Amino acid sequence: MTAARPLAPSPGRRQRRRRGALVAWAFMAPLLVVNLLVITGPGIASLLYSFTDWDGLGAAEFVGLANYVELFGNPNVLAAISHNLIWTLFFLTVPMGMALLGAFLLSRLRRGQVLFRIVFFIPYVLATVVSAAVWRQLLSPTAGIGAALESLGIDWLAETNFLGDPSLALGSVAFINNWQWWGFLLVLFVAAMQGVDPALYEAARLDGANAWREFWHITLPGIRPTLVFLTLMTIIWSFLVFDYVYILTQGGPAGSTDVLSTVLYRTAFGEQRAGYASAMAMLLTVISAAVVGGYLVLRKRLKWDV
């Protein structure tokens, strides 16, 4: 007995499918055009200009790999990369730890949880310029917290220049950025924790598990996709950081807070070396691509989505 052959789709059905595909592409076309004009086109142009000596206005002169050779031999760039790495380590530990702990505590509240989530999220929605201006005033050595404490007889912060001392500046800017950032992570972690099956916590309590064991063996595995994704984005955003550093210190004092983005900006618009700045942009692109590629490989091998 021969198996029945599947019936070929009728001409009317094929026409409806074709019409549906055309409608879908029609809706996608504006997004594709915007992507081409805003992302793909400038990205390809930056790649081409990274092999040239170009001031951003005149004709570009092809110089091959000279920009990249200079890039990896420039001590200012290497110092900026080290600052990006320090920034990344800080934001993978301090705000992540604060947000996880805060989210776990909030998830155990029965009343007032929404209020706390709003309060912690408010700094994230404030304009960066406003937040930076407020914190610059608070950390001022003459009119900030130190001066206020000194007027009360507490002089251990007297004349401490948080943003002007090379040994304190990078940590101070990271602290300010963390003040805005960790509440955002907390809200996302709380939302993820609400999706964990409550029956798992009840079973753990029946087995005598304390709060720490519940957090380690139930909460963290339950929010693993969110935690891994935010870790990935934190690494990428740490290498793209620009706003707080530029507003508060512009990379100073003496380059102690320079990151790749501030060096790139100063090179492109201050020194008018757009070709060399494009090579820095390509370095940032390669770093981001490497992070994403490593994440995809680990996610597949370790089955993080399971």
Protein backbone atom coordinates (compact mmCIF):
# COMPACT_ATOMS: atom_id res chain seq x y z
CA MET A 1 0.00 0.00 0.00
CA THR A 2 1.56 3.26 -1.11
CA ALA A 3 1.60 6.31 1.14
CA ALA A 4 -0.69 9.12 0.09
CA ARG A 5 1.10 12.08 -1.40
CA PRO A 6 0.52 15.43 0.28
CA LEU A 7 -1.79 17.64 -1.67
CA ALA A 8 -0.12 20.56 -3.42
CA PRO A 9 -1.28 23.95 -2.19
CA SER A 10 -3.95 25.45 -4.36
CA PRO A 11 -3.15 28.53 -6.49
CA GLY A 12 -5.38 30.63 -4.24
CA ARG A 13 -3.48 29.53 -1.12
CA ARG A 14 -0.12 30.23 -2.76
CA GLN A 15 -1.33 33.68 -3.72
CA ARG A 16 -2.48 34.42 -0.15
CA ARG A 17 0.90 33.31 1.22
CA ARG A 18 2.70 35.48 -1.31
CA ARG A 19 0.48 38.42 -0.42
CA GLY A 20 1.11 37.86 3.30
CA ALA A 21 4.88 37.78 2.73
CA LEU A 22 4.71 41.02 0.76
CA VAL A 23 2.73 42.70 3.55
CA ALA A 24 5.26 41.52 6.13
CA TRP A 25 8.18 42.87 4.07
CA ALA A 26 6.29 46.13 3.57
CA PHE A 27 6.07 46.59 7.35
CA MET A 28 9.73 45.64 7.79
CA ALA A 29 11.01 47.86 4.98
CA PRO A 30 11.08 51.15 6.99
CA LEU A 31 13.06 49.44 9.78
CA LEU A 32 15.47 47.93 7.29
CA VAL A 33 15.99 51.32 5.62
CA VAL A 34 16.64 53.00 8.97
CA ASN A 35 19.05 50.22 9.93
CA LEU A 36 20.87 50.60 6.63
CA LEU A 37 21.16 54.37 6.91
CA VAL A 38 21.93 54.65 10.63
CA ILE A 39 23.87 51.47 11.48
CA THR A 40 25.03 49.43 8.49
CA GLY A 41 26.09 52.32 6.26
CA PRO A 42 28.05 54.27 8.91
CA GLY A 43 29.55 51.01 10.18
CA ILE A 44 30.94 50.11 6.76
CA ALA A 45 32.14 53.71 6.29
CA SER A 46 33.95 53.59 9.66
CA LEU A 47 35.63 50.35 8.68
CA LEU A 48 36.87 51.87 5.41
CA TYR A 49 37.98 55.14 7.01
CA SER A 50 39.90 53.24 9.69
CA PHE A 51 42.47 52.43 6.99
CA THR A 52 42.88 56.08 6.02
CA ASP A 53 44.36 59.34 7.25
CA TRP A 54 41.29 61.55 7.28
CA ASP A 55 40.44 64.75 9.12
CA GLY A 56 36.69 64.29 8.78
CA LEU A 57 36.20 66.87 6.04
CA GLY A 58 38.70 66.63 3.21
CA ALA A 59 39.89 63.75 1.08
CA ALA A 60 40.94 60.56 2.83
CA GLU A 61 44.42 59.12 2.21
CA PHE A 62 44.81 55.35 2.40
CA VAL A 63 47.43 54.34 4.98
CA GLY A 64 46.73 50.62 5.39
CA LEU A 65 47.19 49.27 8.91
CA ALA A 66 49.11 52.32 10.15
CA ASN A 67 46.22 53.46 12.36
CA TYR A 68 45.98 50.06 14.04
CA VAL A 69 49.74 49.85 14.57
CA GLU A 70 49.66 53.27 16.21
CA LEU A 71 46.55 52.31 18.18
CA PHE A 72 48.15 49.37 19.96
CA GLY A 73 51.36 51.30 20.55
CA ASN A 74 49.64 54.34 22.06
CA PRO A 75 50.03 54.36 25.89
CA ASN A 76 46.97 56.58 26.27
CA VAL A 77 44.82 54.04 24.45
CA LEU A 78 46.24 51.15 26.47
CA ALA A 79 45.59 53.08 29.69
CA ALA A 80 42.02 53.75 28.55
CA ILE A 81 41.52 50.03 27.86
CA SER A 82 42.75 49.23 31.36
CA HIS A 83 40.25 51.73 32.78
CA ASN A 84 37.48 50.05 30.76
CA LEU A 85 38.50 46.70 32.24
CA ILE A 86 38.47 48.12 35.78
CA TRP A 87 35.07 49.68 35.06
CA THR A 88 33.77 46.33 33.78
CA LEU A 89 34.97 44.42 36.84
CA PHE A 90 33.38 47.00 39.12
CA PHE A 91 30.00 46.87 37.39
CA LEU A 92 30.01 43.09 37.21
CA THR A 93 30.43 42.87 40.98
CA VAL A 94 29.20 45.87 42.99
CA PRO A 95 25.92 46.83 41.24
CA MET A 96 25.17 43.20 40.37
CA GLY A 97 25.63 42.15 43.99
CA MET A 98 23.61 45.10 45.30
CA ALA A 99 20.80 44.47 42.82
CA LEU A 100 20.62 40.73 43.49
CA LEU A 101 20.55 41.22 47.25
CA GLY A 102 18.03 44.05 47.05
CA ALA A 103 15.80 42.15 44.65
CA PHE A 104 15.85 39.04 46.84
CA LEU A 105 14.89 41.07 49.90
CA LEU A 106 12.17 42.94 48.02
CA SER A 107 10.75 39.70 46.62
CA ARG A 108 10.09 38.55 50.18
CA LEU A 109 8.04 41.64 51.03
CA ARG A 110 4.28 41.33 51.01
CA ARG A 111 3.53 45.06 51.25
CA GLY A 112 5.21 48.15 49.89
CA GLN A 113 7.19 46.32 47.20
CA VAL A 114 5.94 48.53 44.38
CA LEU A 115 6.86 51.68 46.31
CA PHE A 116 10.42 50.50 46.87
CA ARG A 117 10.76 49.51 43.21
CA ILE A 118 9.70 52.99 42.15
CA VAL A 119 12.09 54.66 44.58
CA PHE A 120 15.04 52.56 43.43
CA PHE A 121 14.16 53.05 39.75
CA ILE A 122 13.85 56.86 39.89
CA PRO A 123 17.63 57.54 39.55
CA TYR A 124 17.70 55.57 36.30
CA VAL A 125 15.09 57.77 34.62
CA LEU A 126 16.80 61.02 35.62
CA ALA A 127 18.75 62.80 32.88
CA THR A 128 22.45 62.02 33.06
CA VAL A 129 23.37 65.71 32.87
CA VAL A 130 21.15 66.50 35.85
CA SER A 131 22.49 63.62 37.95
CA ALA A 132 26.09 64.50 37.09
CA ALA A 133 25.56 68.17 37.99
CA VAL A 134 24.05 67.24 41.37
CA TRP A 135 26.85 64.82 42.21
CA ARG A 136 29.54 67.23 41.07
CA GLN A 137 28.18 69.71 43.60
CA LEU A 138 27.92 67.07 46.32
CA LEU A 139 31.54 65.96 45.79
CA SER A 140 32.94 69.48 45.49
CA PRO A 141 35.88 70.00 47.90
CA THR A 142 34.67 73.52 48.73
CA ALA A 143 30.88 73.28 48.74
CA GLY A 144 30.05 69.59 48.93
CA ILE A 145 29.64 66.91 51.56
CA GLY A 146 33.20 67.29 52.86
CA ALA A 147 32.80 71.01 53.45
CA ALA A 148 29.43 70.49 55.15
CA LEU A 149 30.93 67.89 57.51
CA GLU A 150 33.90 70.13 58.22
CA SER A 151 31.52 72.89 59.34
CA LEU A 152 30.17 70.40 61.90
CA GLY A 153 33.66 69.60 63.17
CA ILE A 154 34.10 66.39 61.14
CA ASP A 155 37.17 67.01 59.03
CA TRP A 156 38.06 63.55 57.69
CA LEU A 157 36.74 64.51 54.23
CA ALA A 158 37.96 68.09 54.37
CA GLU A 159 39.41 69.28 51.06
CA THR A 160 39.08 65.82 49.52
CA ASN A 161 38.76 66.34 45.77
CA PHE A 162 36.97 63.20 44.61
CA LEU A 163 36.90 64.21 40.95
CA GLY A 164 40.23 66.04 40.92
CA ASP A 165 42.44 63.43 42.59
CA PRO A 166 43.83 60.91 40.04
CA SER A 167 43.66 58.13 42.63
CA LEU A 168 39.98 58.80 43.43
CA ALA A 169 38.50 60.13 40.19
CA LEU A 170 37.73 56.86 38.36
CA GLY A 171 36.19 55.26 41.44
CA SER A 172 34.14 58.38 42.13
CA VAL A 173 32.71 58.46 38.60
CA ALA A 174 31.95 54.72 38.80
CA PHE A 175 30.21 55.28 42.15
CA ILE A 176 28.01 58.00 40.63
CA ASN A 177 27.17 55.84 37.62
CA ASN A 178 26.39 52.92 39.94
CA TRP A 179 23.98 55.13 41.91
CA GLN A 180 21.90 55.44 38.74
CA TRP A 181 22.46 51.94 37.37
CA TRP A 182 21.88 49.44 40.17
CA GLY A 183 18.19 50.30 40.63
CA PHE A 184 17.55 49.39 37.01
CA LEU A 185 19.14 45.98 37.57
CA LEU A 186 17.15 45.53 40.78
CA VAL A 187 13.82 46.07 39.03
CA LEU A 188 14.68 43.55 36.32
CA PHE A 189 15.84 40.98 38.87
CA VAL A 190 12.65 41.43 40.93
CA ALA A 191 10.57 40.85 37.81
CA ALA A 192 12.57 37.70 37.04
CA MET A 193 12.26 36.40 40.61
CA GLN A 194 8.50 36.72 40.45
CA GLY A 195 8.56 34.09 37.71
CA VAL A 196 10.20 31.46 39.94
CA ASP A 197 7.76 28.76 41.07
CA PRO A 198 6.77 29.48 44.72
CA ALA A 199 6.35 25.73 45.30
CA LEU A 200 10.13 25.36 45.08
CA TYR A 201 10.59 27.73 48.02
CA GLU A 202 7.92 25.91 50.03
CA ALA A 203 9.61 22.57 49.39
CA ALA A 204 12.99 24.02 50.38
CA ARG A 205 11.58 25.38 53.66
CA LEU A 206 10.07 21.97 54.46
CA ASP A 207 13.54 20.51 53.99
CA GLY A 208 14.97 23.05 56.44
CA ALA A 209 16.70 25.35 53.95
CA ASN A 210 17.58 28.83 55.19
CA ALA A 211 17.30 32.07 53.17
CA TRP A 212 20.85 31.77 51.79
CA ARG A 213 20.25 28.23 50.50
CA GLU A 214 16.97 29.33 48.93
CA PHE A 215 18.76 32.17 47.17
CA TRP A 216 21.68 30.04 45.99
CA HIS A 217 19.85 26.86 44.96
CA ILE A 218 16.46 28.22 43.81
CA THR A 219 16.55 31.95 43.06
CA LEU A 220 19.81 32.11 41.08
CA PRO A 221 19.04 29.07 38.87
CA GLY A 222 15.51 30.40 38.38
CA ILE A 223 16.65 33.79 37.08
CA ARG A 224 19.70 32.47 35.21
CA PRO A 225 18.63 33.67 31.72
CA THR A 226 18.04 37.22 33.01
CA LEU A 227 21.28 37.18 35.03
CA VAL A 228 23.37 35.97 32.09
CA PHE A 229 21.81 38.47 29.68
CA LEU A 230 22.37 41.41 32.04
CA THR A 231 25.96 40.27 32.59
CA LEU A 232 26.48 40.31 28.83
CA MET A 233 24.95 43.77 28.45
CA THR A 234 26.91 45.11 31.43
CA ILE A 235 30.19 44.08 29.79
CA ILE A 236 29.21 45.72 26.50
CA TRP A 237 27.93 48.91 28.14
CA SER A 238 31.07 49.11 30.28
CA PHE A 239 33.21 49.35 27.15
CA LEU A 240 30.82 51.90 25.62
CA VAL A 241 30.60 54.13 28.71
CA PHE A 242 30.95 57.80 27.87
CA ASP A 243 28.36 60.16 29.35
CA TYR A 244 29.23 60.27 33.05
CA VAL A 245 32.98 60.21 32.40
CA TYR A 246 32.86 63.03 29.88
CA ILE A 247 30.42 65.21 31.83
CA LEU A 248 32.21 64.88 35.17
CA THR A 249 35.91 64.75 34.25
CA GLN A 250 36.29 64.66 30.43
CA GLY A 251 38.87 61.91 31.00
CA GLY A 252 40.93 63.84 33.54
CA PRO A 253 42.70 64.54 35.74
CA ALA A 254 45.82 63.55 33.79
CA GLY A 255 43.92 60.85 31.89
CA SER A 256 43.06 58.95 35.09
CA THR A 257 39.42 58.49 33.99
CA ASP A 258 39.96 58.17 30.25
CA VAL A 259 38.09 55.30 28.62
CA LEU A 260 38.11 54.29 24.97
CA SER A 261 35.03 56.36 24.19
CA THR A 262 36.46 59.61 25.59
CA VAL A 263 39.79 59.08 23.81
CA LEU A 264 37.88 58.37 20.60
CA TYR A 265 35.76 61.52 20.98
CA ARG A 266 38.76 63.72 21.71
CA THR A 267 40.72 62.24 18.81
CA ALA A 268 37.89 62.67 16.30
CA PHE A 269 36.60 66.12 17.26
CA GLY A 270 39.52 67.67 19.15
CA GLU A 271 42.46 66.50 17.06
CA GLN A 272 40.44 66.09 13.84
CA ARG A 273 41.84 62.60 13.24
CA ALA A 274 38.66 60.88 12.12
CA GLY A 275 40.49 58.01 10.43
CA TYR A 276 42.41 57.14 13.59
CA ALA A 277 39.23 57.51 15.66
CA SER A 278 37.50 55.09 13.27
CA ALA A 279 40.17 52.51 14.10
CA MET A 280 39.31 52.96 17.79
CA ALA A 281 35.63 52.49 16.93
CA MET A 282 36.49 49.25 15.15
CA LEU A 283 38.35 48.08 18.26
CA LEU A 284 35.22 48.71 20.33
CA THR A 285 33.18 46.79 17.74
CA VAL A 286 35.55 43.82 17.87
CA ILE A 287 35.43 43.76 21.68
CA SER A 288 31.62 43.82 21.67
CA ALA A 289 31.46 41.12 19.00
CA ALA A 290 33.90 38.94 20.96
CA VAL A 291 31.78 39.30 24.11
CA VAL A 292 28.58 38.41 22.25
CA GLY A 293 30.27 35.49 20.48
CA GLY A 294 31.65 34.14 23.75
CA TYR A 295 28.23 34.48 25.34
CA LEU A 296 26.54 32.52 22.53
CA VAL A 297 29.13 29.74 22.73
CA LEU A 298 28.86 29.42 26.50
CA ARG A 299 25.07 29.56 26.37
CA LYS A 300 25.03 26.66 23.94
CA ARG A 301 27.62 24.55 25.75
CA LEU A 302 26.35 25.15 29.28
CA LYS A 303 22.67 25.11 28.25
CA TRP A 304 21.94 28.37 30.07
CA ASP A 305 18.47 28.62 28.55
CA VAL A 306 17.38 25.25 29.86
